């Protein structure tokens, strides 16, 4: 029975990847796609892939440490699997809403209680949002010329987005405590 679950899961993943590819490339000519691919600088592509791998690995290290503190021994390979699943499902779902549930589901399937997986996702999200706010705030303070050409409307949108992110992050911290 487990063998069939693996085959069914792989088939479902292949179908999702095929559907994603079809959705992305439907209505595009092969010549336009080839032109776009050949115009990309190979080093920029490699740097982007390396940064994606670094992001997934850093999240995996955090997940491994958090789950370890909760009493669950998780290998780095397992944690990278959770993070990669979250990255993929965040990429294909509206508002990036599918990543964390996919990660918690993967953890639950390996015997980690849903509450501990959810706590891990909450802590990782708080850390991620805090780092984003710190980088944005430091950029605003140390590189004020970045916003010179945005205009008042976009500047207000940036401030509004930052304020909302700060409020939501503070709310998550309050819920955590």
Protein backbone atom coordinates (compact mmCIF):
# COMPACT_ATOMS: atom_id res chain seq x y z
CA UNK A 1 0.00 0.00 0.00
CA UNK A 2 2.83 2.42 0.86
CA UNK A 3 4.35 1.79 -2.58
CA UNK A 4 1.11 2.97 -4.24
CA UNK A 5 1.02 6.08 -2.07
CA UNK A 6 4.50 6.98 -3.27
CA UNK A 7 3.55 6.47 -6.89
CA UNK A 8 0.32 8.44 -6.45
CA UNK A 9 2.19 11.27 -4.69
CA UNK A 10 4.83 11.42 -7.43
CA UNK A 11 2.09 11.40 -10.08
CA UNK A 12 0.24 14.20 -8.33
CA UNK A 13 3.45 16.24 -8.04
CA UNK A 14 4.21 15.68 -11.74
CA UNK A 15 0.65 16.73 -12.64
CA UNK A 16 0.97 19.90 -10.53
CA UNK A 17 4.31 20.74 -12.11
CA UNK A 18 2.89 20.11 -15.59
CA UNK A 19 -0.15 22.27 -14.87
CA UNK A 20 2.09 25.02 -13.49
CA UNK A 21 4.30 24.91 -16.59
CA UNK A 22 1.28 24.94 -18.89
CA UNK A 23 -0.24 27.90 -17.04
CA UNK A 24 3.00 29.86 -17.19
CA UNK A 25 3.80 29.19 -20.83
CA UNK A 26 0.32 28.94 -22.39
CA UNK A 27 -0.04 31.48 -25.18
CA UNK A 28 3.70 32.11 -25.40
CA UNK A 29 5.58 31.31 -28.55
CA UNK A 30 8.57 28.99 -28.36
CA UNK A 31 10.67 31.69 -30.07
CA UNK A 32 9.77 34.29 -27.41
CA UNK A 33 10.56 31.85 -24.60
CA UNK A 34 13.88 30.90 -26.22
CA UNK A 35 14.77 34.57 -26.72
CA UNK A 36 14.04 35.30 -23.05
CA UNK A 37 16.09 32.29 -21.91
CA UNK A 38 19.09 33.17 -24.08
CA UNK A 39 19.06 36.80 -22.96
CA UNK A 40 19.62 35.83 -19.31
CA UNK A 41 23.18 36.23 -18.09
CA UNK A 42 24.32 32.76 -16.91
CA UNK A 43 26.08 34.12 -13.83
CA UNK A 44 22.93 35.98 -12.77
CA UNK A 45 20.94 32.77 -13.17
CA UNK A 46 23.48 30.79 -11.15
CA UNK A 47 23.53 33.49 -8.46
CA UNK A 48 19.74 33.42 -8.28
CA UNK A 49 19.68 29.63 -7.96
CA UNK A 50 22.38 29.79 -5.31
CA UNK A 51 20.45 32.39 -3.32
CA UNK A 52 17.28 30.29 -3.55
CA UNK A 53 19.20 27.29 -2.24
CA UNK A 54 20.68 29.43 0.55
CA UNK A 55 17.22 30.69 1.52
CA UNK A 56 15.77 27.17 1.68
CA UNK A 57 18.80 25.89 3.61
CA UNK A 58 18.74 28.77 6.13
CA UNK A 59 15.04 28.19 6.77
CA UNK A 60 15.78 24.47 7.16
CA UNK A 61 18.49 25.18 9.74
CA UNK A 62 16.04 27.35 11.71
CA UNK A 63 13.34 24.67 11.50
CA UNK A 64 15.78 22.01 12.63
CA UNK A 65 16.83 24.08 15.65
CA UNK A 66 13.26 24.95 16.63
CA UNK A 67 12.01 21.36 16.29
CA UNK A 68 15.09 20.17 18.21
CA UNK A 69 14.21 22.54 21.06
CA UNK A 70 10.72 21.02 21.02
CA UNK A 71 12.20 17.52 21.40
CA UNK A 72 12.12 16.32 17.79
CA UNK A 73 15.32 15.09 16.18
CA UNK A 74 15.12 16.13 12.54
CA UNK A 75 17.93 15.68 10.05
CA UNK A 76 19.03 18.59 7.90
CA UNK A 77 17.82 16.63 4.88
CA UNK A 78 14.31 16.33 6.36
CA UNK A 79 14.28 20.03 7.26
CA UNK A 80 15.40 20.98 3.74
CA UNK A 81 12.54 18.83 2.45
CA UNK A 82 10.03 20.77 4.58
CA UNK A 83 11.49 24.10 3.46
CA UNK A 84 11.60 23.12 -0.22
CA UNK A 85 7.96 22.00 -0.07
CA UNK A 86 7.02 25.30 1.55
CA UNK A 87 8.96 27.26 -1.08
CA UNK A 88 7.28 25.37 -3.91
CA UNK A 89 3.73 25.60 -2.59
CA UNK A 90 4.19 29.28 -1.68
CA UNK A 91 5.23 29.85 -5.28
CA UNK A 92 2.16 28.24 -6.86
CA UNK A 93 -0.66 29.25 -4.50
CA UNK A 94 -2.46 32.60 -4.39
CA UNK A 95 -0.97 35.03 -1.88
CA UNK A 96 1.72 32.43 -1.10
CA UNK A 97 -0.77 30.82 1.26
CA UNK A 98 0.06 27.15 0.66
CA UNK A 99 3.66 26.91 1.82
CA UNK A 100 3.30 26.76 5.58
CA UNK A 101 0.35 24.31 5.57
CA UNK A 102 2.34 22.04 3.23
CA UNK A 103 5.30 22.18 5.61
CA UNK A 104 3.16 21.39 8.66
CA UNK A 105 1.54 18.50 6.76
CA UNK A 106 4.97 17.14 5.85
CA UNK A 107 6.06 17.36 9.48
CA UNK A 108 2.88 15.67 10.69
CA UNK A 109 3.43 12.80 8.25
CA UNK A 110 6.81 12.23 9.89
CA UNK A 111 5.38 12.11 13.40
CA UNK A 112 5.77 15.72 14.49
CA UNK A 113 2.59 16.99 16.18
CA UNK A 114 0.68 19.63 14.25
CA UNK A 115 0.98 22.05 17.19
CA UNK A 116 4.79 21.82 17.11
CA UNK A 117 4.89 22.25 13.33
CA UNK A 118 2.62 25.28 13.61
CA UNK A 119 4.77 26.77 16.37
CA UNK A 120 7.83 26.26 14.17
CA UNK A 121 6.12 28.06 11.26
CA UNK A 122 5.07 30.92 13.56
CA UNK A 123 8.62 31.38 14.89
CA UNK A 124 10.18 31.19 11.42
CA UNK A 125 7.65 33.73 10.13
CA UNK A 126 8.32 36.12 13.01
CA UNK A 127 12.07 35.90 12.38
CA UNK A 128 11.61 36.38 8.63
CA UNK A 129 9.31 39.38 9.05
CA UNK A 130 11.60 40.94 11.67
CA UNK A 131 14.61 40.58 9.36
CA UNK A 132 12.62 42.08 6.47
CA UNK A 133 11.56 45.05 8.60
CA UNK A 134 15.12 45.59 9.85
CA UNK A 135 16.58 45.53 6.33
CA UNK A 136 13.87 47.88 5.06
CA UNK A 137 14.33 50.26 8.00
CA UNK A 138 18.11 50.30 7.67
CA UNK A 139 17.82 50.88 3.92
CA UNK A 140 15.42 53.76 4.54
CA UNK A 141 17.79 55.34 7.08
CA UNK A 142 21.15 54.65 5.44
CA UNK A 143 20.13 55.02 1.78
CA UNK A 144 17.45 57.71 1.75
CA UNK A 145 18.02 58.48 -1.94
CA UNK A 146 16.46 55.13 -2.93
CA UNK A 147 12.97 56.59 -2.56
CA UNK A 148 13.71 59.92 -4.28
CA UNK A 149 12.14 58.87 -7.58
CA UNK A 150 9.18 56.92 -6.20
CA UNK A 151 6.88 59.84 -5.72
CA UNK A 152 4.56 60.52 -2.81
CA UNK A 153 1.99 57.81 -3.62
CA UNK A 154 4.48 54.93 -3.74
CA UNK A 155 6.30 56.25 -0.69
CA UNK A 156 3.00 56.26 1.23
CA UNK A 157 2.29 52.72 0.03
CA UNK A 158 5.72 51.60 1.26
CA UNK A 159 5.13 53.22 4.65
CA UNK A 160 1.65 51.70 4.84
CA UNK A 161 2.96 48.25 3.96
CA UNK A 162 5.74 48.54 6.50
CA UNK A 163 3.30 49.69 9.19
CA UNK A 164 0.93 46.81 8.47
CA UNK A 165 3.80 44.30 8.47
CA UNK A 166 5.04 45.70 11.78
CA UNK A 167 1.55 45.46 13.31
CA UNK A 168 1.05 41.88 12.10
CA UNK A 169 4.47 40.83 13.34
CA UNK A 170 3.77 42.40 16.72
CA UNK A 171 0.44 40.53 16.76
CA UNK A 172 2.21 37.24 16.08
CA UNK A 173 4.62 37.91 18.94
CA UNK A 174 1.70 38.66 21.27
CA UNK A 175 -0.01 35.41 20.21
CA UNK A 176 3.23 33.54 20.77
CA UNK A 177 3.55 34.86 24.30
